Amino acid sequence: MSNWAIEPSLVFSSSPVVPVMVIDKVEDALPMAQALSEGGIKVFEITLRTDAALDAIRTISNTMPDAMVGAGTVINEAQYDAAVAAGARFVISPGITTGLLEHARQGTAPLIPGCATPSEVMTALAHGYDHLKFFPAEVNGGVKALKAISAPLPQIRFCPTGGISPVNMNDYLALACVATIGGSWMLPADLIKAGDWSSITQLSAEAVAMAKGLQTA
């Protein structure tokens, strides 16, 4: 048993697409999140790659309480705690360490560890984790690799991330082990820099429509 306020299955089921948000300026956080939301995306993975990340999580969490705000690129226990304190409802890591796995089991926000090999998946499963991030997806063999890895581990659900785009997203979503996909193609750096939030809304809506169409096909 864990102390998690929500289950990772809820994170995966809340959106067919999880945007990977790299926020350089705090003032971009809210309009970016609102643009994604207007396009139908309500789950946000804000990566801890920038100095603005924790403030961005706090701003979006306080202003958009109905959104599922999470933290990405969390690589240690201190970052997990800081993200949760800022308001993250879930936490995503690019990989796994036993320390982080054990620490997050005692925390209030579910951790979605990153895995790329059967041994890493088994390590996560042994610690009670069955919702994982397959990362980086494309350079680790893509759809064929994930299909092969999941065959002997049918209880695991994945969010493949890394190299996902409209070109290959349907191939991933067609896999039974895939519950949602992560990507950043709906957040081009030039549109963010220009503050062209309406175009981001359009790209988000197109992504959701494509993903939902595949999931109901």
N, C-alpha and C. Protein backbone atom coordinates (compact mmCIF):
# COMPACT_ATOMS: atom_id res chain seq x y z
N MET A 1 0.84 -1.20 0.00
CA MET A 1 0.00 0.00 0.00
C MET A 1 0.88 1.25 0.00
N SER A 2 0.34 2.34 -0.60
CA SER A 2 1.08 3.59 -0.64
C SER A 2 0.24 4.70 0.00
N ASN A 3 0.87 5.85 0.13
CA ASN A 3 0.18 7.02 0.67
C ASN A 3 -0.30 7.96 -0.44
N TRP A 4 -0.28 7.49 -1.67
CA TRP A 4 -0.61 8.35 -2.80
C TRP A 4 -2.05 8.85 -2.76
N ALA A 5 -2.20 10.13 -3.03
CA ALA A 5 -3.54 10.73 -3.03
C ALA A 5 -4.35 10.28 -4.24
N ILE A 6 -3.67 9.98 -5.35
CA ILE A 6 -4.33 9.46 -6.54
C ILE A 6 -3.52 8.29 -7.06
N GLU A 7 -4.13 7.48 -7.88
CA GLU A 7 -3.42 6.36 -8.48
C GLU A 7 -2.83 6.78 -9.82
N PRO A 8 -1.69 6.21 -10.20
CA PRO A 8 -1.11 6.55 -11.50
C PRO A 8 -2.03 6.21 -12.66
N SER A 9 -2.90 5.25 -12.48
CA SER A 9 -3.86 4.92 -13.55
C SER A 9 -4.75 6.11 -13.88
N LEU A 10 -5.05 6.94 -12.89
CA LEU A 10 -5.86 8.13 -13.14
C LEU A 10 -5.09 9.14 -13.99
N VAL A 11 -3.81 9.27 -13.75
CA VAL A 11 -2.99 10.16 -14.56
C VAL A 11 -3.01 9.71 -16.02
N PHE A 12 -2.81 8.42 -16.24
CA PHE A 12 -2.76 7.88 -17.60
C PHE A 12 -4.11 8.01 -18.30
N SER A 13 -5.19 7.82 -17.56
CA SER A 13 -6.52 7.82 -18.19
C SER A 13 -7.10 9.22 -18.37
N SER A 14 -6.46 10.23 -17.76
CA SER A 14 -7.01 11.58 -17.81
C SER A 14 -6.73 12.31 -19.12
N SER A 15 -5.76 11.82 -19.90
CA SER A 15 -5.47 12.42 -21.20
C SER A 15 -4.75 11.41 -22.08
N PRO A 16 -5.14 11.31 -23.34
CA PRO A 16 -4.44 10.39 -24.24
C PRO A 16 -3.06 10.90 -24.63
N VAL A 17 -2.82 12.19 -24.36
CA VAL A 17 -1.54 12.81 -24.68
C VAL A 17 -1.09 13.63 -23.47
N VAL A 18 0.16 13.43 -23.05
CA VAL A 18 0.73 14.20 -21.94
C VAL A 18 1.81 15.12 -22.50
N PRO A 19 1.59 16.42 -22.47
CA PRO A 19 2.59 17.35 -23.01
C PRO A 19 3.80 17.48 -22.10
N VAL A 20 4.97 17.41 -22.68
CA VAL A 20 6.21 17.62 -21.93
C VAL A 20 6.54 19.11 -22.02
N MET A 21 6.36 19.82 -20.92
CA MET A 21 6.45 21.28 -20.90
C MET A 21 7.77 21.75 -20.31
N VAL A 22 8.58 22.41 -21.13
CA VAL A 22 9.82 23.03 -20.68
C VAL A 22 9.54 24.53 -20.59
N ILE A 23 9.45 25.04 -19.39
CA ILE A 23 9.05 26.43 -19.17
C ILE A 23 10.25 27.25 -18.70
N ASP A 24 10.70 28.15 -19.55
CA ASP A 24 11.86 28.98 -19.23
C ASP A 24 11.48 30.22 -18.43
N LYS A 25 10.27 30.73 -18.66
CA LYS A 25 9.82 31.95 -17.98
C LYS A 25 8.51 31.67 -17.26
N VAL A 26 8.43 32.03 -16.00
CA VAL A 26 7.23 31.76 -15.21
C VAL A 26 6.00 32.40 -15.84
N GLU A 27 6.20 33.56 -16.45
CA GLU A 27 5.04 34.25 -17.04
C GLU A 27 4.43 33.49 -18.21
N ASP A 28 5.17 32.52 -18.75
CA ASP A 28 4.62 31.69 -19.83
C ASP A 28 3.80 30.52 -19.30
N ALA A 29 3.93 30.21 -18.03
CA ALA A 29 3.33 28.99 -17.48
C ALA A 29 1.82 28.95 -17.65
N LEU A 30 1.15 29.98 -17.18
CA LEU A 30 -0.31 29.97 -17.21
C LEU A 30 -0.88 30.03 -18.63
N PRO A 31 -0.43 30.96 -19.48
CA PRO A 31 -0.98 30.96 -20.84
C PRO A 31 -0.68 29.66 -21.59
N MET A 32 0.46 29.04 -21.33
CA MET A 32 0.78 27.77 -21.98
C MET A 32 -0.19 26.69 -21.51
N ALA A 33 -0.40 26.59 -20.21
CA ALA A 33 -1.32 25.60 -19.67
C ALA A 33 -2.75 25.84 -20.15
N GLN A 34 -3.16 27.10 -20.20
CA GLN A 34 -4.51 27.41 -20.65
C GLN A 34 -4.69 27.09 -22.13
N ALA A 35 -3.64 27.31 -22.93
CA ALA A 35 -3.71 26.97 -24.36
C ALA A 35 -3.86 25.47 -24.55
N LEU A 36 -3.12 24.69 -23.79
CA LEU A 36 -3.23 23.24 -23.85
C LEU A 36 -4.62 22.79 -23.41
N SER A 37 -5.10 23.40 -22.32
CA SER A 37 -6.42 23.03 -21.79
C SER A 37 -7.54 23.32 -22.78
N GLU A 38 -7.45 24.46 -23.44
CA GLU A 38 -8.47 24.82 -24.43
C GLU A 38 -8.44 23.87 -25.62
N GLY A 39 -7.30 23.22 -25.83
CA GLY A 39 -7.19 22.22 -26.88
C GLY A 39 -7.61 20.83 -26.43
N GLY A 40 -7.98 20.69 -25.15
CA GLY A 40 -8.48 19.42 -24.65
C GLY A 40 -7.48 18.62 -23.84
N ILE A 41 -6.31 19.19 -23.55
CA ILE A 41 -5.31 18.50 -22.74
C ILE A 41 -5.34 19.05 -21.32
N LYS A 42 -5.60 18.18 -20.36
CA LYS A 42 -5.76 18.61 -18.97
C LYS A 42 -4.66 18.08 -18.05
N VAL A 43 -3.73 17.29 -18.60
CA VAL A 43 -2.63 16.74 -17.82
C VAL A 43 -1.34 17.43 -18.27
N PHE A 44 -0.56 17.93 -17.34
CA PHE A 44 0.64 18.68 -17.66
C PHE A 44 1.86 18.09 -16.98
N GLU A 45 2.88 17.76 -17.75
CA GLU A 45 4.17 17.33 -17.19
C GLU A 45 5.15 18.48 -17.36
N ILE A 46 5.42 19.17 -16.26
CA ILE A 46 6.34 20.31 -16.28
C ILE A 46 7.71 19.81 -15.85
N THR A 47 8.66 19.85 -16.76
CA THR A 47 9.97 19.27 -16.48
C THR A 47 10.79 20.18 -15.56
N LEU A 48 11.55 19.54 -14.68
CA LEU A 48 12.41 20.30 -13.77
C LEU A 48 13.77 20.56 -14.42
N ARG A 49 13.72 21.03 -15.66
CA ARG A 49 14.96 21.33 -16.38
C ARG A 49 15.32 22.81 -16.33
N THR A 50 14.42 23.62 -15.79
CA THR A 50 14.66 25.06 -15.77
C THR A 50 14.45 25.61 -14.36
N ASP A 51 15.00 26.78 -14.13
CA ASP A 51 14.85 27.42 -12.82
C ASP A 51 13.40 27.83 -12.55
N ALA A 52 12.61 27.98 -13.62
CA ALA A 52 11.23 28.43 -13.47
C ALA A 52 10.26 27.30 -13.18
N ALA A 53 10.73 26.06 -13.22
CA ALA A 53 9.82 24.90 -13.20
C ALA A 53 8.95 24.83 -11.94
N LEU A 54 9.56 24.93 -10.77
CA LEU A 54 8.78 24.78 -9.54
C LEU A 54 7.77 25.91 -9.38
N ASP A 55 8.16 27.13 -9.72
CA ASP A 55 7.22 28.25 -9.67
C ASP A 55 6.10 28.06 -10.69
N ALA A 56 6.42 27.48 -11.83
CA ALA A 56 5.41 27.21 -12.85
C ALA A 56 4.40 26.18 -12.34
N ILE A 57 4.89 25.13 -11.70
CA ILE A 57 4.00 24.12 -11.12
C ILE A 57 3.08 24.77 -10.09
N ARG A 58 3.66 25.61 -9.24
CA ARG A 58 2.88 26.28 -8.20
C ARG A 58 1.82 27.20 -8.80
N THR A 59 2.21 27.96 -9.82
CA THR A 59 1.28 28.91 -10.45
C THR A 59 0.10 28.19 -11.10
N ILE A 60 0.40 27.16 -11.88
CA ILE A 60 -0.67 26.44 -12.58
C ILE A 60 -1.56 25.69 -11.59
N SER A 61 -0.96 25.07 -10.58
CA SER A 61 -1.74 24.32 -9.59
C SER A 61 -2.70 25.24 -8.84
N ASN A 62 -2.24 26.43 -8.50
CA ASN A 62 -3.08 27.36 -7.74
C ASN A 62 -4.18 27.98 -8.59
N THR A 63 -3.91 28.17 -9.88
CA THR A 63 -4.85 28.87 -10.75
C THR A 63 -5.80 27.93 -11.48
N MET A 64 -5.36 26.70 -11.74
CA MET A 64 -6.17 25.73 -12.47
C MET A 64 -6.32 24.46 -11.63
N PRO A 65 -7.13 24.52 -10.57
CA PRO A 65 -7.22 23.39 -9.63
C PRO A 65 -7.79 22.12 -10.26
N ASP A 66 -8.49 22.23 -11.37
CA ASP A 66 -9.07 21.05 -12.00
C ASP A 66 -8.07 20.34 -12.92
N ALA A 67 -6.93 20.97 -13.17
CA ALA A 67 -5.93 20.37 -14.03
C ALA A 67 -5.11 19.34 -13.26
N MET A 68 -4.54 18.39 -13.98
CA MET A 68 -3.67 17.38 -13.40
C MET A 68 -2.23 17.83 -13.65
N VAL A 69 -1.67 18.54 -12.67
CA VAL A 69 -0.34 19.13 -12.83
C VAL A 69 0.71 18.22 -12.22
N GLY A 70 1.73 17.88 -13.01
CA GLY A 70 2.78 17.02 -12.51
C GLY A 70 4.16 17.56 -12.84
N ALA A 71 5.16 16.90 -12.29
CA ALA A 71 6.55 17.28 -12.51
C ALA A 71 7.27 16.17 -13.26
N GLY A 72 8.12 16.57 -14.21
CA GLY A 72 8.92 15.62 -14.95
C GLY A 72 10.41 15.85 -14.72
N THR A 73 11.22 14.95 -15.24
CA THR A 73 12.68 15.02 -15.10
C THR A 73 13.09 15.07 -13.64
N VAL A 74 12.39 14.33 -12.80
CA VAL A 74 12.72 14.23 -11.38
C VAL A 74 13.69 13.07 -11.20
N ILE A 75 14.89 13.35 -10.68
CA ILE A 75 15.92 12.32 -10.65
C ILE A 75 16.38 11.95 -9.24
N ASN A 76 15.85 12.63 -8.21
CA ASN A 76 16.26 12.27 -6.85
C ASN A 76 15.16 12.60 -5.85
N GLU A 77 15.38 12.19 -4.63
CA GLU A 77 14.36 12.33 -3.60
C GLU A 77 14.08 13.80 -3.28
N ALA A 78 15.11 14.63 -3.27
CA ALA A 78 14.93 16.05 -2.95
C ALA A 78 14.04 16.72 -4.00
N GLN A 79 14.25 16.39 -5.27
CA GLN A 79 13.41 16.96 -6.32
C GLN A 79 11.97 16.48 -6.20
N TYR A 80 11.80 15.22 -5.85
CA TYR A 80 10.44 14.70 -5.65
C TYR A 80 9.73 15.52 -4.57
N ASP A 81 10.39 15.71 -3.45
CA ASP A 81 9.78 16.47 -2.34
C ASP A 81 9.48 17.91 -2.75
N ALA A 82 10.40 18.54 -3.47
CA ALA A 82 10.21 19.93 -3.89
C ALA A 82 9.03 20.04 -4.86
N ALA A 83 8.92 19.08 -5.76
CA ALA A 83 7.82 19.10 -6.73
C ALA A 83 6.47 18.94 -6.04
N VAL A 84 6.40 18.00 -5.11
CA VAL A 84 5.15 17.78 -4.38
C VAL A 84 4.79 19.01 -3.55
N ALA A 85 5.78 19.63 -2.92
CA ALA A 85 5.54 20.83 -2.13
C ALA A 85 5.03 21.98 -2.99
N ALA A 86 5.45 22.00 -4.26
CA ALA A 86 5.01 23.05 -5.17
C ALA A 86 3.62 22.80 -5.72
N GLY A 87 3.08 21.59 -5.50
CA GLY A 87 1.72 21.31 -5.95
C GLY A 87 1.60 20.21 -6.98
N ALA A 88 2.69 19.53 -7.31
CA ALA A 88 2.62 18.45 -8.30
C ALA A 88 1.77 17.30 -7.77
N ARG A 89 0.83 16.85 -8.58
CA ARG A 89 -0.04 15.74 -8.19
C ARG A 89 0.54 14.39 -8.63
N PHE A 90 1.49 14.42 -9.54
CA PHE A 90 2.20 13.21 -9.93
C PHE A 90 3.63 13.60 -10.30
N VAL A 91 4.51 12.63 -10.34
CA VAL A 91 5.92 12.87 -10.60
C VAL A 91 6.41 11.84 -11.61
N ILE A 92 7.18 12.29 -12.60
CA ILE A 92 7.72 11.41 -13.63
C ILE A 92 9.24 11.52 -13.62
N SER A 93 9.88 10.36 -13.71
CA SER A 93 11.34 10.31 -13.74
C SER A 93 11.81 9.73 -15.06
N PRO A 94 12.96 10.16 -15.58
CA PRO A 94 13.48 9.58 -16.82
C PRO A 94 14.04 8.18 -16.64
N GLY A 95 14.28 7.79 -15.38
CA GLY A 95 14.83 6.47 -15.11
C GLY A 95 14.42 6.00 -13.73
N ILE A 96 15.18 5.04 -13.18
CA ILE A 96 14.84 4.55 -11.85
C ILE A 96 16.10 4.41 -10.99
N THR A 97 15.93 4.68 -9.71
CA THR A 97 16.90 4.29 -8.69
C THR A 97 16.06 3.67 -7.57
N THR A 98 16.63 2.73 -6.86
CA THR A 98 15.86 2.11 -5.78
C THR A 98 15.53 3.14 -4.70
N GLY A 99 16.45 4.10 -4.50
CA GLY A 99 16.19 5.14 -3.52
C GLY A 99 14.96 5.96 -3.84
N LEU A 100 14.85 6.37 -5.10
CA LEU A 100 13.69 7.17 -5.51
C LEU A 100 12.41 6.34 -5.47
N LEU A 101 12.49 5.09 -5.90
CA LEU A 101 11.31 4.22 -5.87
C LEU A 101 10.79 4.06 -4.45
N GLU A 102 11.69 3.81 -3.52
CA GLU A 102 11.28 3.60 -2.13
C GLU A 102 10.79 4.89 -1.48
N HIS A 103 11.45 5.99 -1.80
CA HIS A 103 11.06 7.29 -1.22
C HIS A 103 9.66 7.68 -1.69
N ALA A 104 9.39 7.52 -2.97
CA ALA A 104 8.10 7.94 -3.52
C ALA A 104 6.95 7.09 -2.99
N ARG A 105 7.23 5.84 -2.62
CA ARG A 105 6.17 5.00 -2.04
C ARG A 105 5.68 5.59 -0.71
N GLN A 106 6.53 6.36 -0.06
CA GLN A 106 6.14 6.99 1.21
C GLN A 106 5.54 8.38 1.01
N GLY A 107 5.60 8.89 -0.23
CA GLY A 107 5.10 10.23 -0.51
C GLY A 107 3.62 10.23 -0.85
N THR A 108 3.10 11.41 -1.16
CA THR A 108 1.67 11.54 -1.44
C THR A 108 1.35 11.59 -2.93
N ALA A 109 2.38 11.74 -3.77
CA ALA A 109 2.14 11.82 -5.22
C ALA A 109 2.72 10.59 -5.90
N PRO A 110 1.97 9.97 -6.81
CA PRO A 110 2.48 8.78 -7.48
C PRO A 110 3.68 9.10 -8.36
N LEU A 111 4.64 8.20 -8.34
CA LEU A 111 5.81 8.31 -9.21
C LEU A 111 5.61 7.41 -10.41
N ILE A 112 5.92 7.93 -11.59
CA ILE A 112 5.91 7.15 -12.82
C ILE A 112 7.36 7.05 -13.28
N PRO A 113 8.03 5.93 -12.97
CA PRO A 113 9.45 5.81 -13.29
C PRO A 113 9.68 5.56 -14.77
N GLY A 114 10.83 6.00 -15.25
CA GLY A 114 11.22 5.73 -16.62
C GLY A 114 11.97 4.42 -16.73
N CYS A 115 11.63 3.61 -17.72
CA CYS A 115 12.25 2.31 -17.92
C CYS A 115 12.48 2.09 -19.41
N ALA A 116 13.55 1.35 -19.73
CA ALA A 116 13.84 1.07 -21.14
C ALA A 116 14.20 -0.39 -21.39
N THR A 117 14.34 -1.18 -20.32
CA THR A 117 14.73 -2.58 -20.46
C THR A 117 13.83 -3.46 -19.60
N PRO A 118 13.76 -4.76 -19.92
CA PRO A 118 12.97 -5.67 -19.08
C PRO A 118 13.44 -5.69 -17.63
N SER A 119 14.74 -5.61 -17.40
CA SER A 119 15.24 -5.63 -16.03
C SER A 119 14.78 -4.40 -15.25
N GLU A 120 14.77 -3.24 -15.89
CA GLU A 120 14.28 -2.03 -15.22
C GLU A 120 12.80 -2.14 -14.94
N VAL A 121 12.05 -2.68 -15.87
CA VAL A 121 10.61 -2.87 -15.65
C VAL A 121 10.38 -3.81 -14.47
N MET A 122 11.15 -4.89 -14.40
CA MET A 122 11.01 -5.84 -13.30
C MET A 122 11.39 -5.22 -11.97
N THR A 123 12.41 -4.36 -11.97
CA THR A 123 12.80 -3.66 -10.74
C THR A 123 11.67 -2.76 -10.26
N ALA A 124 11.09 -2.02 -11.18
CA ALA A 124 9.96 -1.16 -10.82
C ALA A 124 8.79 -1.99 -10.29
N LEU A 125 8.49 -3.08 -10.97
CA LEU A 125 7.37 -3.93 -10.55
C LEU A 125 7.61 -4.51 -9.16
N ALA A 126 8.85 -4.89 -8.88
CA ALA A 126 9.18 -5.44 -7.57
C ALA A 126 8.96 -4.43 -6.44
N HIS A 127 9.01 -3.14 -6.79
CA HIS A 127 8.78 -2.08 -5.80
C HIS A 127 7.34 -1.57 -5.81
N GLY A 128 6.49 -2.24 -6.56
CA GLY A 128 5.07 -1.89 -6.55
C GLY A 128 4.60 -0.94 -7.62
N TYR A 129 5.41 -0.77 -8.67
CA TYR A 129 5.07 0.17 -9.74
C TYR A 129 4.65 -0.60 -10.99
N ASP A 130 3.47 -0.28 -11.52
CA ASP A 130 3.01 -0.94 -12.74
C ASP A 130 2.57 0.05 -13.83
N HIS A 131 2.78 1.35 -13.59
CA HIS A 131 2.55 2.38 -14.61
C HIS A 131 3.88 3.10 -14.83
N LEU A 132 4.46 2.90 -16.01
CA LEU A 132 5.82 3.33 -16.26
C LEU A 132 5.93 4.19 -17.51
N LYS A 133 7.01 4.93 -17.57
CA LYS A 133 7.37 5.72 -18.75
C LYS A 133 8.40 4.94 -19.55
N PHE A 134 8.12 4.68 -20.83
CA PHE A 134 9.11 4.03 -21.70
C PHE A 134 9.90 5.15 -22.36
N PHE A 135 11.18 5.28 -21.95
CA PHE A 135 11.95 6.46 -22.35
C PHE A 135 13.43 6.12 -22.47
N PRO A 136 14.09 6.74 -23.45
CA PRO A 136 13.52 7.45 -24.62
C PRO A 136 13.03 6.45 -25.65
N ALA A 137 11.79 6.57 -26.03
CA ALA A 137 11.10 5.52 -26.77
C ALA A 137 11.75 5.19 -28.11
N GLU A 138 11.91 6.17 -28.95
CA GLU A 138 12.36 5.89 -30.32
C GLU A 138 13.79 5.35 -30.37
N VAL A 139 14.70 5.94 -29.61
CA VAL A 139 16.09 5.48 -29.68
C VAL A 139 16.29 4.14 -28.99
N ASN A 140 15.30 3.70 -28.22
CA ASN A 140 15.38 2.40 -27.56
C ASN A 140 14.61 1.31 -28.32
N GLY A 141 14.38 1.54 -29.60
CA GLY A 141 13.75 0.51 -30.41
C GLY A 141 12.31 0.75 -30.75
N GLY A 142 11.73 1.81 -30.20
CA GLY A 142 10.39 2.22 -30.58
C GLY A 142 9.31 1.18 -30.31
N VAL A 143 8.34 1.15 -31.21
CA VAL A 143 7.15 0.31 -31.06
C VAL A 143 7.52 -1.16 -30.96
N LYS A 144 8.43 -1.62 -31.80
CA LYS A 144 8.80 -3.04 -31.81
C LYS A 144 9.42 -3.46 -30.48
N ALA A 145 10.29 -2.62 -29.94
CA ALA A 145 10.92 -2.93 -28.66
C ALA A 145 9.89 -2.95 -27.53
N LEU A 146 9.02 -1.96 -27.49
CA LEU A 146 8.02 -1.89 -26.42
C LEU A 146 7.06 -3.07 -26.48
N LYS A 147 6.68 -3.45 -27.69
CA LYS A 147 5.80 -4.61 -27.86
C LYS A 147 6.47 -5.88 -27.33
N ALA A 148 7.76 -6.03 -27.63
CA ALA A 148 8.49 -7.21 -27.17
C ALA A 148 8.68 -7.21 -25.66
N ILE A 149 9.00 -6.04 -25.09
CA ILE A 149 9.21 -5.93 -23.64
C ILE A 149 7.91 -6.22 -22.89
N SER A 150 6.80 -5.74 -23.43
CA SER A 150 5.52 -5.88 -22.72
C SER A 150 4.93 -7.28 -22.81
N ALA A 151 5.36 -8.07 -23.78
CA ALA A 151 4.77 -9.39 -23.98
C ALA A 151 4.83 -10.27 -22.72
N PRO A 152 6.00 -10.40 -22.06
CA PRO A 152 6.05 -11.21 -20.84
C PRO A 152 5.64 -10.44 -19.58
N LEU A 153 5.28 -9.16 -19.75
CA LEU A 153 4.92 -8.32 -18.60
C LEU A 153 3.59 -7.60 -18.89
N PRO A 154 2.52 -8.38 -19.12
CA PRO A 154 1.25 -7.78 -19.57
C PRO A 154 0.56 -6.92 -18.53
N GLN A 155 1.01 -6.98 -17.27
CA GLN A 155 0.37 -6.19 -16.22
C GLN A 155 0.84 -4.73 -16.20
N ILE A 156 1.85 -4.41 -17.01
CA ILE A 156 2.41 -3.06 -17.01
C ILE A 156 1.73 -2.19 -18.06
N ARG A 157 1.47 -0.92 -17.68
CA ARG A 157 0.96 0.07 -18.62
C ARG A 157 2.03 1.14 -18.80
N PHE A 158 2.22 1.56 -20.04
CA PHE A 158 3.30 2.46 -20.38
C PHE A 158 2.80 3.79 -20.94
N CYS A 159 3.63 4.81 -20.71
CA CYS A 159 3.52 6.10 -21.40
C CYS A 159 4.82 6.30 -22.17
N PRO A 160 4.88 5.88 -23.43
CA PRO A 160 6.11 6.10 -24.20
C PRO A 160 6.34 7.58 -24.46
N THR A 161 7.58 8.00 -24.30
CA THR A 161 7.96 9.40 -24.48
C THR A 161 9.36 9.44 -25.07
N GLY A 162 9.59 10.42 -25.94
CA GLY A 162 10.90 10.56 -26.56
C GLY A 162 10.84 10.19 -28.03
N GLY A 163 10.70 11.21 -28.86
CA GLY A 163 10.60 10.97 -30.29
C GLY A 163 9.19 10.70 -30.78
N ILE A 164 8.19 10.91 -29.92
CA ILE A 164 6.80 10.70 -30.32
C ILE A 164 6.30 11.93 -31.06
N SER A 165 5.56 11.71 -32.13
CA SER A 165 5.03 12.80 -32.95
C SER A 165 3.77 12.30 -33.65
N PRO A 166 3.06 13.18 -34.35
CA PRO A 166 1.88 12.72 -35.11
C PRO A 166 2.22 11.64 -36.13
N VAL A 167 3.48 11.55 -36.53
CA VAL A 167 3.87 10.56 -37.53
C VAL A 167 3.82 9.14 -36.98
N ASN A 168 4.17 8.97 -35.69
CA ASN A 168 4.24 7.61 -35.14
C ASN A 168 3.33 7.37 -33.94
N MET A 169 2.59 8.38 -33.49
CA MET A 169 1.79 8.22 -32.28
C MET A 169 0.75 7.11 -32.40
N ASN A 170 0.16 6.94 -33.61
CA ASN A 170 -0.84 5.89 -33.75
C ASN A 170 -0.25 4.51 -33.58
N ASP A 171 1.01 4.34 -33.97
CA ASP A 171 1.66 3.04 -33.82
C ASP A 171 1.81 2.68 -32.34
N TYR A 172 2.14 3.66 -31.53
CA TYR A 172 2.26 3.41 -30.09
C TYR A 172 0.90 3.18 -29.44
N LEU A 173 -0.06 4.02 -29.77
CA LEU A 173 -1.38 3.91 -29.14
C LEU A 173 -2.11 2.63 -29.53
N ALA A 174 -1.67 2.01 -30.62
CA ALA A 174 -2.28 0.75 -31.04
C ALA A 174 -1.85 -0.42 -30.16
N LEU A 175 -0.77 -0.24 -29.39
CA LEU A 175 -0.30 -1.30 -28.51
C LEU A 175 -1.19 -1.41 -27.27
N ALA A 176 -1.51 -2.63 -26.88
CA ALA A 176 -2.38 -2.83 -25.72
C ALA A 176 -1.75 -2.32 -24.43
N CYS A 177 -0.42 -2.31 -24.37
CA CYS A 177 0.26 -1.89 -23.14
C CYS A 177 0.36 -0.38 -22.99
N VAL A 178 0.00 0.36 -24.02
CA VAL A 178 0.14 1.82 -24.00
C VAL A 178 -1.18 2.47 -23.61
N ALA A 179 -1.15 3.26 -22.52
CA ALA A 179 -2.35 3.93 -22.05
C ALA A 179 -2.40 5.39 -22.46
N THR A 180 -1.23 6.00 -22.64
CA THR A 180 -1.13 7.40 -23.05
C THR A 180 0.27 7.61 -23.62
N ILE A 181 0.48 8.72 -24.28
CA ILE A 181 1.79 9.01 -24.85
C ILE A 181 2.24 10.40 -24.40
N GLY A 182 3.55 10.58 -24.33
CA GLY A 182 4.10 11.88 -23.96
C GLY A 182 4.84 12.50 -25.13
N GLY A 183 4.77 13.81 -25.23
CA GLY A 183 5.46 14.47 -26.32
C GLY A 183 5.43 15.97 -26.19
N SER A 184 6.18 16.63 -27.06
CA SER A 184 6.27 18.09 -26.99
C SER A 184 5.99 18.76 -28.33
N TRP A 185 5.51 17.97 -29.31
CA TRP A 185 5.34 18.56 -30.64
C TRP A 185 4.25 19.63 -30.67
N MET A 186 3.34 19.61 -29.71
CA MET A 186 2.30 20.65 -29.68
C MET A 186 2.79 21.93 -29.01
N LEU A 187 4.06 21.94 -28.61
CA LEU A 187 4.66 23.09 -27.94
C LEU A 187 5.95 23.52 -28.63
N PRO A 188 5.88 23.91 -29.90
CA PRO A 188 7.11 24.33 -30.60
C PRO A 188 7.71 25.57 -29.94
N ALA A 189 9.02 25.56 -29.83
CA ALA A 189 9.71 26.66 -29.14
C ALA A 189 9.43 28.01 -29.77
N ASP A 190 9.29 28.04 -31.11
CA ASP A 190 9.07 29.33 -31.76
C ASP A 190 7.69 29.90 -31.43
N LEU A 191 6.68 29.02 -31.28
CA LEU A 191 5.35 29.50 -30.92
C LEU A 191 5.32 30.01 -29.48
N ILE A 192 6.04 29.33 -28.59
CA ILE A 192 6.11 29.78 -27.21
C ILE A 192 6.80 31.14 -27.13
N LYS A 193 7.91 31.26 -27.84
CA LYS A 193 8.65 32.53 -27.83
C LYS A 193 7.81 33.67 -28.37
N ALA A 194 6.98 33.38 -29.38
CA ALA A 194 6.13 34.41 -29.98
C ALA A 194 4.85 34.64 -29.20
N GLY A 195 4.58 33.80 -28.21
CA GLY A 195 3.34 33.92 -27.46
C GLY A 195 2.12 33.58 -28.30
N ASP A 196 2.31 32.71 -29.27
CA ASP A 196 1.22 32.32 -30.18
C ASP A 196 0.44 31.16 -29.55
N TRP A 197 -0.32 31.48 -28.53
CA TRP A 197 -1.02 30.45 -27.75
C TRP A 197 -2.16 29.82 -28.54
N SER A 198 -2.77 30.57 -29.45
CA SER A 198 -3.88 30.01 -30.23
C SER A 198 -3.41 28.88 -31.13
N SER A 199 -2.20 29.00 -31.67
CA SER A 199 -1.66 27.93 -32.50
C SER A 199 -1.35 26.69 -31.66
N ILE A 200 -0.92 26.90 -30.43
CA ILE A 200 -0.67 25.78 -29.52
C ILE A 200 -1.98 25.09 -29.18
N THR A 201 -3.04 25.87 -29.00
CA THR A 201 -4.36 25.28 -28.77
C THR A 201 -4.78 24.42 -29.96
N GLN A 202 -4.54 24.91 -31.16
CA GLN A 202 -4.91 24.16 -32.35
C GLN A 202 -4.11 22.85 -32.45
N LEU A 203 -2.81 22.91 -32.22
CA LEU A 203 -1.98 21.71 -32.26
C LEU A 203 -2.41 20.71 -31.19
N SER A 204 -2.80 21.21 -30.03
CA SER A 204 -3.26 20.35 -28.94
C SER A 204 -4.57 19.66 -29.30
N ALA A 205 -5.48 20.42 -29.88
CA ALA A 205 -6.77 19.86 -30.28
C ALA A 205 -6.58 18.78 -31.34
N GLU A 206 -5.68 19.03 -32.27
CA GLU A 206 -5.41 18.04 -33.31
C GLU A 206 -4.82 16.76 -32.72
N ALA A 207 -3.92 16.91 -31.75
CA ALA A 207 -3.31 15.75 -31.10
C ALA A 207 -4.34 14.92 -30.36
N VAL A 208 -5.21 15.60 -29.61
CA VAL A 208 -6.25 14.89 -28.85
C VAL A 208 -7.22 14.18 -29.78
N ALA A 209 -7.63 14.86 -30.85
CA ALA A 209 -8.57 14.27 -31.80
C ALA A 209 -7.96 13.02 -32.45
N MET A 210 -6.70 13.09 -32.81
CA MET A 210 -6.04 11.95 -33.42
C MET A 210 -5.93 10.79 -32.42
N ALA A 211 -5.52 11.10 -31.20
CA ALA A 211 -5.35 10.07 -30.19
C ALA A 211 -6.68 9.42 -29.82
N LYS A 212 -7.71 10.21 -29.62
CA LYS A 212 -9.02 9.65 -29.25
C LYS A 212 -9.61 8.84 -30.39
N GLY A 213 -9.35 9.28 -31.62
CA GLY A 213 -9.82 8.52 -32.77
C GLY A 213 -9.20 7.15 -32.83
N LEU A 214 -7.91 7.09 -32.49
CA LEU A 214 -7.21 5.80 -32.49
C LEU A 214 -7.69 4.93 -31.35
N GLN A 215 -7.95 5.53 -30.19
CA GLN A 215 -8.34 4.74 -29.02
C GLN A 215 -9.75 4.16 -29.16
N THR A 216 -10.59 4.80 -29.99
CA THR A 216 -11.95 4.30 -30.14
C THR A 216 -12.12 3.49 -31.42
N ALA A 217 -11.07 3.44 -32.23
CA ALA A 217 -11.16 2.71 -33.50
C ALA A 217 -11.24 1.21 -33.27
